[in-house]
All heavy atoms as atom14 arrays in JSON, in Angstrom:
{
  "sequence": "SKAVAALPASLKPDVVLRLADREVKAHSVVLRARCTFFAMFFAD",
  "atom14_mask": [
    [1, 1, 1, 1, 1, 1, 0, 0, 0, 0, 0, 0, 0, 0],
    [1, 1, 1, 1, 1, 1, 1, 1, 1, 0, 0, 0, 0, 0],
    [1, 1, 1, 1, 1, 0, 0, 0, 0, 0, 0, 0, 0, 0],
    [1, 1, 1, 1, 1, 1, 1, 0, 0, 0, 0, 0, 0, 0],
    [1, 1, 1, 1, 1, 0, 0, 0, 0, 0, 0, 0, 0, 0],
    [1, 1, 1, 1, 1, 0, 0, 0, 0, 0, 0, 0, 0, 0],
    [1, 1, 1, 1, 1, 1, 1, 1, 0, 0, 0, 0, 0, 0],
    [1, 1, 1, 1, 1, 1, 1, 0, 0, 0, 0, 0, 0, 0],
    [1, 1, 1, 1, 1, 0, 0, 0, 0, 0, 0, 0, 0, 0],
    [1, 1, 1, 1, 1, 1, 0, 0, 0, 0, 0, 0, 0, 0],
    [1, 1, 1, 1, 1, 1, 1, 1, 0, 0, 0, 0, 0, 0],
    [1, 1, 1, 1, 1, 1, 1, 1, 1, 0, 0, 0, 0, 0],
    [1, 1, 1, 1, 1, 1, 1, 0, 0, 0, 0, 0, 0, 0],
    [1, 1, 1, 1, 1, 1, 1, 1, 0, 0, 0, 0, 0, 0],
    [1, 1, 1, 1, 1, 1, 1, 0, 0, 0, 0, 0, 0, 0],
    [1, 1, 1, 1, 1, 1, 1, 0, 0, 0, 0, 0, 0, 0],
    [1, 1, 1, 1, 1, 1, 1, 1, 0, 0, 0, 0, 0, 0],
    [1, 1, 1, 1, 1, 1, 1, 1, 1, 1, 1, 0, 0, 0],
    [1, 1, 1, 1, 1, 1, 1, 1, 0, 0, 0, 0, 0, 0],
    [1, 1, 1, 1, 1, 0, 0, 0, 0, 0, 0, 0, 0, 0],
    [1, 1, 1, 1, 1, 1, 1, 1, 0, 0, 0, 0, 0, 0],
    [1, 1, 1, 1, 1, 1, 1, 1, 1, 1, 1, 0, 0, 0],
    [1, 1, 1, 1, 1, 1, 1, 1, 1, 0, 0, 0, 0, 0],
    [1, 1, 1, 1, 1, 1, 1, 0, 0, 0, 0, 0, 0, 0],
    [1, 1, 1, 1, 1, 1, 1, 1, 1, 0, 0, 0, 0, 0],
    [1, 1, 1, 1, 1, 0, 0, 0, 0, 0, 0, 0, 0, 0],
    [1, 1, 1, 1, 1, 1, 1, 1, 1, 1, 0, 0, 0, 0],
    [1, 1, 1, 1, 1, 1, 0, 0, 0, 0, 0, 0, 0, 0],
    [1, 1, 1, 1, 1, 1, 1, 0, 0, 0, 0, 0, 0, 0],
    [1, 1, 1, 1, 1, 1, 1, 0, 0, 0, 0, 0, 0, 0],
    [1, 1, 1, 1, 1, 1, 1, 1, 0, 0, 0, 0, 0, 0],
    [1, 1, 1, 1, 1, 1, 1, 1, 1, 1, 1, 0, 0, 0],
    [1, 1, 1, 1, 1, 0, 0, 0, 0, 0, 0, 0, 0, 0],
    [1, 1, 1, 1, 1, 1, 1, 1, 1, 1, 1, 0, 0, 0],
    [1, 1, 1, 1, 1, 1, 0, 0, 0, 0, 0, 0, 0, 0],
    [1, 1, 1, 1, 1, 1, 1, 0, 0, 0, 0, 0, 0, 0],
    [1, 1, 1, 1, 1, 1, 1, 1, 1, 1, 1, 0, 0, 0],
    [1, 1, 1, 1, 1, 1, 1, 1, 1, 1, 1, 0, 0, 0],
    [1, 1, 1, 1, 1, 0, 0, 0, 0, 0, 0, 0, 0, 0],
    [1, 1, 1, 1, 1, 1, 1, 1, 0, 0, 0, 0, 0, 0],
    [1, 1, 1, 1, 1, 1, 1, 1, 1, 1, 1, 0, 0, 0],
    [1, 1, 1, 1, 1, 1, 1, 1, 1, 1, 1, 0, 0, 0],
    [1, 1, 1, 1, 1, 0, 0, 0, 0, 0, 0, 0, 0, 0],
    [1, 1, 1, 1, 1, 1, 1, 1, 0, 0, 0, 0, 0, 0]
  ],
  "atom14_positions": [
    [[10.53, -11.58, -17.24], [10.39, -12.78, -16.6], [11.57, -13.24, -15.89], [11.47, -13.91, -14.8], [9.85, -13.91, -17.65], [10.9, -13.98, -18.64], [0.0, 0.0, 0.0], [0.0, 0.0, 0.0], [0.0, 0.0, 0.0], [0.0, 0.0, 0.0], [0.0, 0.0, 0.0], [0.0, 0.0, 0.0], [0.0, 0.0, 0.0], [0.0, 0.0, 0.0]],
    [[12.8, -12.91, -16.32], [14.06, -13.39, -15.67], [14.29, -12.51, -14.6], [14.66, -13.0, -13.47], [15.18, -13.33, -16.7], [15.03, -14.44, -17.82], [16.24, -14.33, -18.82], [16.17, -15.39, -19.88], [17.31, -15.36, -20.8], [0.0, 0.0, 0.0], [0.0, 0.0, 0.0], [0.0, 0.0, 0.0], [0.0, 0.0, 0.0], [0.0, 0.0, 0.0]],
    [[14.19, -11.07, -14.72], [14.56, -10.19, -13.69], [13.58, -10.32, -12.5], [14.05, -10.1, -11.4], [14.63, -8.73, -14.24], [0.0, 0.0, 0.0], [0.0, 0.0, 0.0], [0.0, 0.0, 0.0], [0.0, 0.0, 0.0], [0.0, 0.0, 0.0], [0.0, 0.0, 0.0], [0.0, 0.0, 0.0], [0.0, 0.0, 0.0], [0.0, 0.0, 0.0]],
    [[12.39, -10.55, -12.68], [11.33, -10.54, -11.65], [11.63, -11.63, -10.64], [11.36, -11.54, -9.4], [9.93, -10.7, -12.19], [9.63, -12.11, -12.71], [8.89, -10.28, -11.13], [0.0, 0.0, 0.0], [0.0, 0.0, 0.0], [0.0, 0.0, 0.0], [0.0, 0.0, 0.0], [0.0, 0.0, 0.0], [0.0, 0.0, 0.0], [0.0, 0.0, 0.0]],
    [[12.3, -12.77, -11.13], [12.61, -13.83, -10.26], [13.64, -13.41, -9.15], [13.76, -13.96, -8.15], [12.97, -15.03, -10.99], [0.0, 0.0, 0.0], [0.0, 0.0, 0.0], [0.0, 0.0, 0.0], [0.0, 0.0, 0.0], [0.0, 0.0, 0.0], [0.0, 0.0, 0.0], [0.0, 0.0, 0.0], [0.0, 0.0, 0.0], [0.0, 0.0, 0.0]],
    [[14.51, -12.54, -9.56], [15.52, -12.08, -8.76], [15.18, -11.07, -7.65], [15.91, -10.63, -6.8], [16.71, -11.56, -9.65], [0.0, 0.0, 0.0], [0.0, 0.0, 0.0], [0.0, 0.0, 0.0], [0.0, 0.0, 0.0], [0.0, 0.0, 0.0], [0.0, 0.0, 0.0], [0.0, 0.0, 0.0], [0.0, 0.0, 0.0], [0.0, 0.0, 0.0]],
    [[13.89, -10.42, -7.82], [13.51, -9.46, -6.87], [13.26, -10.06, -5.51], [12.82, -11.23, -5.36], [12.28, -8.85, -7.33], [12.2, -7.98, -8.58], [10.84, -7.52, -9.03], [13.08, -6.71, -8.24], [0.0, 0.0, 0.0], [0.0, 0.0, 0.0], [0.0, 0.0, 0.0], [0.0, 0.0, 0.0], [0.0, 0.0, 0.0], [0.0, 0.0, 0.0]],
    [[13.63, -9.34, -4.38], [13.26, -9.82, -3.03], [11.77, -9.97, -2.87], [10.96, -9.32, -3.69], [13.96, -8.7, -2.22], [13.93, -7.56, -3.08], [14.27, -8.04, -4.38], [0.0, 0.0, 0.0], [0.0, 0.0, 0.0], [0.0, 0.0, 0.0], [0.0, 0.0, 0.0], [0.0, 0.0, 0.0], [0.0, 0.0, 0.0], [0.0, 0.0, 0.0]],
    [[11.36, -10.79, -1.89], [9.96, -11.1, -1.74], [9.13, -9.83, -1.54], [7.99, -9.69, -1.94], [9.76, -11.91, -0.56], [0.0, 0.0, 0.0], [0.0, 0.0, 0.0], [0.0, 0.0, 0.0], [0.0, 0.0, 0.0], [0.0, 0.0, 0.0], [0.0, 0.0, 0.0], [0.0, 0.0, 0.0], [0.0, 0.0, 0.0], [0.0, 0.0, 0.0]],
    [[9.77, -8.74, -0.87], [9.02, -7.52, -0.52], [8.73, -6.64, -1.79], [7.91, -5.85, -1.73], [9.82, -6.7, 0.44], [11.06, -6.37, 0.04], [0.0, 0.0, 0.0], [0.0, 0.0, 0.0], [0.0, 0.0, 0.0], [0.0, 0.0, 0.0], [0.0, 0.0, 0.0], [0.0, 0.0, 0.0], [0.0, 0.0, 0.0], [0.0, 0.0, 0.0]],
    [[9.51, -6.98, -2.84], [9.34, -6.09, -4.2], [8.78, -6.94, -5.21], [8.49, -6.47, -6.38], [10.68, -5.62, -4.5], [11.34, -4.64, -3.62], [12.72, -4.21, -4.25], [10.47, -3.46, -3.47], [0.0, 0.0, 0.0], [0.0, 0.0, 0.0], [0.0, 0.0, 0.0], [0.0, 0.0, 0.0], [0.0, 0.0, 0.0], [0.0, 0.0, 0.0]],
    [[8.29, -8.17, -5.09], [7.7, -8.94, -6.08], [6.26, -8.38, -6.41], [5.53, -8.14, -5.56], [7.57, -10.46, -5.66], [8.97, -11.18, -5.63], [8.79, -12.69, -5.5], [10.2, -13.26, -5.51], [10.96, -13.08, -6.87], [0.0, 0.0, 0.0], [0.0, 0.0, 0.0], [0.0, 0.0, 0.0], [0.0, 0.0, 0.0], [0.0, 0.0, 0.0]],
    [[5.98, -8.42, -7.69], [4.72, -7.99, -8.14], [3.51, -8.83, -7.6], [3.68, -9.96, -7.46], [4.7, -8.06, -9.72], [6.18, -8.12, -10.09], [6.85, -8.88, -8.78], [0.0, 0.0, 0.0], [0.0, 0.0, 0.0], [0.0, 0.0, 0.0], [0.0, 0.0, 0.0], [0.0, 0.0, 0.0], [0.0, 0.0, 0.0], [0.0, 0.0, 0.0]],
    [[2.4, -8.22, -7.38], [1.31, -8.89, -6.91], [0.0, -8.62, -7.68], [-1.05, -8.89, -7.3], [0.98, -8.48, -5.39], [0.66, -6.99, -5.19], [0.92, -6.23, -6.17], [0.18, -6.62, -4.14], [0.0, 0.0, 0.0], [0.0, 0.0, 0.0], [0.0, 0.0, 0.0], [0.0, 0.0, 0.0], [0.0, 0.0, 0.0], [0.0, 0.0, 0.0]],
    [[0.24, -8.12, -8.92], [-0.82, -7.78, -9.93], [-0.4, -8.39, -11.23], [0.7, -8.19, -11.56], [-1.22, -6.36, -9.93], [-2.13, -6.07, -11.19], [-1.89, -5.88, -8.64], [0.0, 0.0, 0.0], [0.0, 0.0, 0.0], [0.0, 0.0, 0.0], [0.0, 0.0, 0.0], [0.0, 0.0, 0.0], [0.0, 0.0, 0.0], [0.0, 0.0, 0.0]],
    [[-1.28, -8.97, -11.91], [-1.07, -9.39, -13.37], [-2.11, -8.64, -14.25], [-3.29, -8.74, -14.02], [-1.23, -10.91, -13.53], [-1.17, -11.28, -15.0], [-0.12, -11.69, -12.75], [0.0, 0.0, 0.0], [0.0, 0.0, 0.0], [0.0, 0.0, 0.0], [0.0, 0.0, 0.0], [0.0, 0.0, 0.0], [0.0, 0.0, 0.0], [0.0, 0.0, 0.0]],
    [[-1.62, -7.98, -15.25], [-2.48, -7.5, -16.29], [-2.49, -8.31, -17.48], [-1.44, -8.51, -18.21], [-1.89, -5.97, -16.67], [-1.7, -5.08, -15.5], [-1.21, -3.8, -16.03], [-2.9, -4.89, -14.6], [0.0, 0.0, 0.0], [0.0, 0.0, 0.0], [0.0, 0.0, 0.0], [0.0, 0.0, 0.0], [0.0, 0.0, 0.0], [0.0, 0.0, 0.0]],
    [[-3.6, -8.9, -17.84], [-3.79, -9.83, -18.91], [-4.11, -8.99, -20.19], [-5.26, -8.58, -20.31], [-4.76, -10.86, -18.7], [-4.9, -11.95, -19.74], [-5.76, -13.12, -19.16], [-5.3, -13.76, -18.03], [-5.97, -14.45, -17.12], [-7.34, -14.52, -17.41], [-5.5, -15.1, -16.14], [0.0, 0.0, 0.0], [0.0, 0.0, 0.0], [0.0, 0.0, 0.0]],
    [[-3.14, -8.86, -21.08], [-3.36, -7.99, -22.28], [-3.56, -8.83, -23.45], [-3.65, -10.16, -23.48], [-2.06, -7.18, -22.41], [-1.51, -6.38, -21.17], [-0.32, -5.57, -21.67], [-2.59, -5.45, -20.74], [0.0, 0.0, 0.0], [0.0, 0.0, 0.0], [0.0, 0.0, 0.0], [0.0, 0.0, 0.0], [0.0, 0.0, 0.0], [0.0, 0.0, 0.0]],
    [[-3.78, -8.14, -24.65], [-4.18, -8.83, -25.9], [-3.02, -9.63, -26.34], [-3.24, -10.79, -26.92], [-4.46, -7.79, -26.93], [0.0, 0.0, 0.0], [0.0, 0.0, 0.0], [0.0, 0.0, 0.0], [0.0, 0.0, 0.0], [0.0, 0.0, 0.0], [0.0, 0.0, 0.0], [0.0, 0.0, 0.0], [0.0, 0.0, 0.0], [0.0, 0.0, 0.0]],
    [[-1.64, -9.35, -26.08], [-0.59, -9.92, -26.64], [0.43, -10.59, -25.61], [1.35, -11.21, -25.89], [0.26, -9.06, -27.55], [0.42, -7.66, -27.05], [-0.03, -7.42, -25.85], [1.01, -6.91, -27.76], [0.0, 0.0, 0.0], [0.0, 0.0, 0.0], [0.0, 0.0, 0.0], [0.0, 0.0, 0.0], [0.0, 0.0, 0.0], [0.0, 0.0, 0.0]],
    [[0.25, -10.33, -24.32], [1.0, -10.83, -23.34], [0.43, -10.59, -21.87], [-0.66, -9.87, -21.75], [2.38, -10.26, -23.36], [2.45, -8.81, -23.08], [3.93, -8.24, -23.0], [4.64, -8.74, -21.9], [5.88, -8.29, -21.5], [6.51, -7.55, -22.32], [6.38, -8.79, -20.42], [0.0, 0.0, 0.0], [0.0, 0.0, 0.0], [0.0, 0.0, 0.0]],
    [[1.04, -11.13, -20.83], [0.7, -10.78, -19.48], [1.8, -10.02, -18.79], [2.99, -10.29, -19.1], [0.49, -12.11, -18.67], [-0.84, -12.87, -19.04], [-1.19, -13.97, -18.16], [-0.32, -14.28, -17.24], [-2.2, -14.62, -18.28], [0.0, 0.0, 0.0], [0.0, 0.0, 0.0], [0.0, 0.0, 0.0], [0.0, 0.0, 0.0], [0.0, 0.0, 0.0]],
    [[1.45, -9.03, -18.17], [2.51, -8.02, -17.46], [2.19, -8.07, -15.97], [1.02, -8.02, -15.46], [2.27, -6.64, -18.08], [3.25, -5.74, -17.44], [2.48, -6.7, -19.59], [0.0, 0.0, 0.0], [0.0, 0.0, 0.0], [0.0, 0.0, 0.0], [0.0, 0.0, 0.0], [0.0, 0.0, 0.0], [0.0, 0.0, 0.0], [0.0, 0.0, 0.0]],
    [[3.28, -8.09, -15.27], [3.19, -7.97, -13.76], [3.38, -6.57, -13.32], [4.14, -5.82, -13.83], [4.2, -8.93, -13.12], [3.89, -10.44, -13.4], [4.82, -11.3, -12.77], [4.57, -12.79, -13.15], [5.53, -13.74, -12.51], [0.0, 0.0, 0.0], [0.0, 0.0, 0.0], [0.0, 0.0, 0.0], [0.0, 0.0, 0.0], [0.0, 0.0, 0.0]],
    [[2.8, -6.25, -12.15], [2.89, -4.88, -11.65], [2.59, -5.0, -10.13], [2.39, -6.09, -9.57], [1.87, -3.97, -12.21], [0.0, 0.0, 0.0], [0.0, 0.0, 0.0], [0.0, 0.0, 0.0], [0.0, 0.0, 0.0], [0.0, 0.0, 0.0], [0.0, 0.0, 0.0], [0.0, 0.0, 0.0], [0.0, 0.0, 0.0], [0.0, 0.0, 0.0]],
    [[2.61, -3.78, -9.49], [2.61, -3.74, -8.02], [1.38, -2.91, -7.47], [1.19, -1.75, -7.96], [3.83, -3.06, -7.4], [5.11, -3.78, -7.79], [5.71, -3.51, -9.01], [6.0, -4.58, -6.98], [6.86, -4.3, -8.96], [6.93, -4.8, -7.89], [0.0, 0.0, 0.0], [0.0, 0.0, 0.0], [0.0, 0.0, 0.0], [0.0, 0.0, 0.0]],
    [[0.53, -3.51, -6.73], [-0.68, -3.0, -6.34], [-0.53, -1.61, -5.62], [-1.18, -0.74, -5.76], [-1.51, -3.89, -5.57], [-0.89, -4.23, -4.25], [0.0, 0.0, 0.0], [0.0, 0.0, 0.0], [0.0, 0.0, 0.0], [0.0, 0.0, 0.0], [0.0, 0.0, 0.0], [0.0, 0.0, 0.0], [0.0, 0.0, 0.0], [0.0, 0.0, 0.0]],
    [[0.63, -1.65, -4.8], [0.73, -0.37, -4.04], [1.11, 0.87, -4.89], [0.77, 1.97, -4.55], [2.02, -0.65, -3.04], [3.31, -0.92, -3.76], [2.17, 0.56, -2.0], [0.0, 0.0, 0.0], [0.0, 0.0, 0.0], [0.0, 0.0, 0.0], [0.0, 0.0, 0.0], [0.0, 0.0, 0.0], [0.0, 0.0, 0.0], [0.0, 0.0, 0.0]],
    [[1.76, 0.55, -6.04], [2.06, 1.7, -6.99], [0.75, 1.96, -7.78], [0.35, 3.14, -7.86], [3.14, 1.26, -7.92], [3.43, 2.35, -9.02], [4.42, 0.98, -7.18], [0.0, 0.0, 0.0], [0.0, 0.0, 0.0], [0.0, 0.0, 0.0], [0.0, 0.0, 0.0], [0.0, 0.0, 0.0], [0.0, 0.0, 0.0], [0.0, 0.0, 0.0]],
    [[0.02, 0.94, -8.23], [-1.11, 1.13, -9.05], [-2.19, 2.0, -8.3], [-2.8, 2.87, -8.8], [-1.68, -0.17, -9.58], [-0.76, -0.99, -10.55], [-1.55, -2.31, -10.9], [-0.42, -0.19, -11.78], [0.0, 0.0, 0.0], [0.0, 0.0, 0.0], [0.0, 0.0, 0.0], [0.0, 0.0, 0.0], [0.0, 0.0, 0.0], [0.0, 0.0, 0.0]],
    [[-2.42, 1.49, -7.02], [-3.51, 2.26, -6.37], [-3.12, 3.65, -5.86], [-3.94, 4.48, -5.63], [-4.05, 1.31, -5.17], [-3.04, 1.08, -4.15], [-3.48, 0.01, -3.16], [-2.53, -0.29, -2.13], [-2.68, -1.3, -1.24], [-3.68, -2.0, -1.3], [-1.88, -1.52, -0.32], [0.0, 0.0, 0.0], [0.0, 0.0, 0.0], [0.0, 0.0, 0.0]],
    [[-1.84, 3.88, -5.67], [-1.28, 5.16, -5.29], [-1.38, 6.2, -6.55], [-1.55, 7.38, -6.24], [-0.02, 5.13, -4.68], [0.0, 0.0, 0.0], [0.0, 0.0, 0.0], [0.0, 0.0, 0.0], [0.0, 0.0, 0.0], [0.0, 0.0, 0.0], [0.0, 0.0, 0.0], [0.0, 0.0, 0.0], [0.0, 0.0, 0.0], [0.0, 0.0, 0.0]],
    [[-1.29, 5.74, -7.73], [-1.1, 6.58, -8.89], [-2.26, 6.5, -9.76], [-2.21, 7.25, -10.82], [0.28, 6.28, -9.53], [1.48, 6.43, -8.74], [1.95, 7.86, -8.92], [2.4, 8.07, -10.3], [2.19, 9.18, -11.01], [1.42, 10.04, -10.44], [2.61, 9.23, -12.16], [0.0, 0.0, 0.0], [0.0, 0.0, 0.0], [0.0, 0.0, 0.0]],
    [[-3.15, 5.54, -9.64], [-4.25, 5.35, -10.68], [-5.57, 5.21, -10.02], [-5.79, 4.27, -9.22], [-3.87, 4.14, -11.49], [-5.13, 3.76, -12.75], [0.0, 0.0, 0.0], [0.0, 0.0, 0.0], [0.0, 0.0, 0.0], [0.0, 0.0, 0.0], [0.0, 0.0, 0.0], [0.0, 0.0, 0.0], [0.0, 0.0, 0.0], [0.0, 0.0, 0.0]],
    [[-6.41, 6.1, -10.3], [-7.82, 6.13, -9.55], [-8.58, 4.83, -9.86], [-9.28, 4.32, -8.96], [-8.57, 7.26, -10.1], [-7.91, 8.51, -9.73], [-10.04, 7.36, -9.34], [0.0, 0.0, 0.0], [0.0, 0.0, 0.0], [0.0, 0.0, 0.0], [0.0, 0.0, 0.0], [0.0, 0.0, 0.0], [0.0, 0.0, 0.0], [0.0, 0.0, 0.0]],
    [[-8.45, 4.29, -11.12], [-9.09, 3.16, -11.57], [-8.8, 1.99, -10.57], [-9.68, 1.25, -10.04], [-8.74, 2.79, -12.98], [-9.39, 1.49, -13.51], [-10.59, 1.51, -14.09], [-8.68, 0.31, -13.33], [-11.16, 0.3, -14.57], [-9.21, -0.94, -13.86], [-10.38, -0.82, -14.41], [0.0, 0.0, 0.0], [0.0, 0.0, 0.0], [0.0, 0.0, 0.0]],
    [[-7.52, 1.8, -10.24], [-7.05, 0.69, -9.41], [-7.3, 0.9, -8.01], [-7.65, 0.15, -7.15], [-5.64, 0.27, -9.55], [-5.3, -0.32, -10.98], [-4.73, 0.4, -11.92], [-5.67, -1.66, -11.16], [-4.48, -0.23, -13.25], [-5.38, -2.26, -12.51], [-4.81, -1.53, -13.49], [0.0, 0.0, 0.0], [0.0, 0.0, 0.0], [0.0, 0.0, 0.0]],
    [[-7.22, 2.25, -7.59], [-7.46, 2.66, -6.2], [-8.89, 2.33, -5.8], [-9.12, 1.92, -4.67], [-7.22, 4.13, -6.03], [0.0, 0.0, 0.0], [0.0, 0.0, 0.0], [0.0, 0.0, 0.0], [0.0, 0.0, 0.0], [0.0, 0.0, 0.0], [0.0, 0.0, 0.0], [0.0, 0.0, 0.0], [0.0, 0.0, 0.0], [0.0, 0.0, 0.0]],
    [[-9.92, 2.47, -6.65], [-11.22, 2.2, -6.33], [-11.39, 0.74, -6.04], [-12.19, 0.3, -5.21], [-12.17, 2.62, -7.52], [-12.27, 4.09, -7.7], [-13.6, 4.55, -8.86], [-12.97, 3.8, -10.31], [0.0, 0.0, 0.0], [0.0, 0.0, 0.0], [0.0, 0.0, 0.0], [0.0, 0.0, 0.0], [0.0, 0.0, 0.0], [0.0, 0.0, 0.0]],
    [[-10.73, -0.1, -6.74], [-10.89, -1.6, -6.54], [-10.12, -1.93, -5.26], [-10.81, -2.71, -4.44], [-10.28, -2.36, -7.75], [-11.12, -2.31, -8.94], [-10.63, -1.88, -10.18], [-12.42, -2.83, -8.96], [-11.3, -1.81, -11.39], [-13.16, -2.77, -10.08], [-12.66, -2.3, -11.33], [0.0, 0.0, 0.0], [0.0, 0.0, 0.0], [0.0, 0.0, 0.0]],
    [[-9.01, -1.56, -5.13], [-8.33, -1.95, -3.93], [-8.8, -1.3, -2.63], [-8.25, -1.64, -1.49], [-6.68, -1.68, -4.07], [-6.18, -2.69, -5.04], [-5.7, -2.28, -6.34], [-5.93, -3.99, -4.62], [-5.2, -3.3, -7.21], [-5.32, -5.04, -5.6], [-5.04, -4.52, -6.8], [0.0, 0.0, 0.0], [0.0, 0.0, 0.0], [0.0, 0.0, 0.0]],
    [[-9.57, -0.22, -2.68], [-10.07, 0.43, -1.52], [-11.09, -0.4, -0.8], [-11.27, -0.24, 0.48], [-10.81, 1.75, -1.98], [0.0, 0.0, 0.0], [0.0, 0.0, 0.0], [0.0, 0.0, 0.0], [0.0, 0.0, 0.0], [0.0, 0.0, 0.0], [0.0, 0.0, 0.0], [0.0, 0.0, 0.0], [0.0, 0.0, 0.0], [0.0, 0.0, 0.0]],
    [[-11.56, -1.46, -1.43], [-12.49, -2.3, -0.86], [-11.69, -3.66, -0.38], [-11.41, -4.48, -1.25], [-13.64, -2.73, -1.75], [-14.7, -3.72, -1.01], [-14.4, -4.09, 0.06], [-15.73, -3.94, -1.78], [0.0, 0.0, 0.0], [0.0, 0.0, 0.0], [0.0, 0.0, 0.0], [0.0, 0.0, 0.0], [0.0, 0.0, 0.0], [0.0, 0.0, 0.0]]
  ]
}
């Protein structure tokens, strides 16, 4: 949570994964490039 605030705007996460014990931020450009599950959603 502290380090993400220091990221430049172009590198800030644009996805939140709501888990059982916490929320995690990630990047859609990485998720859809490396994971078919997310690629199917972001393809539309």
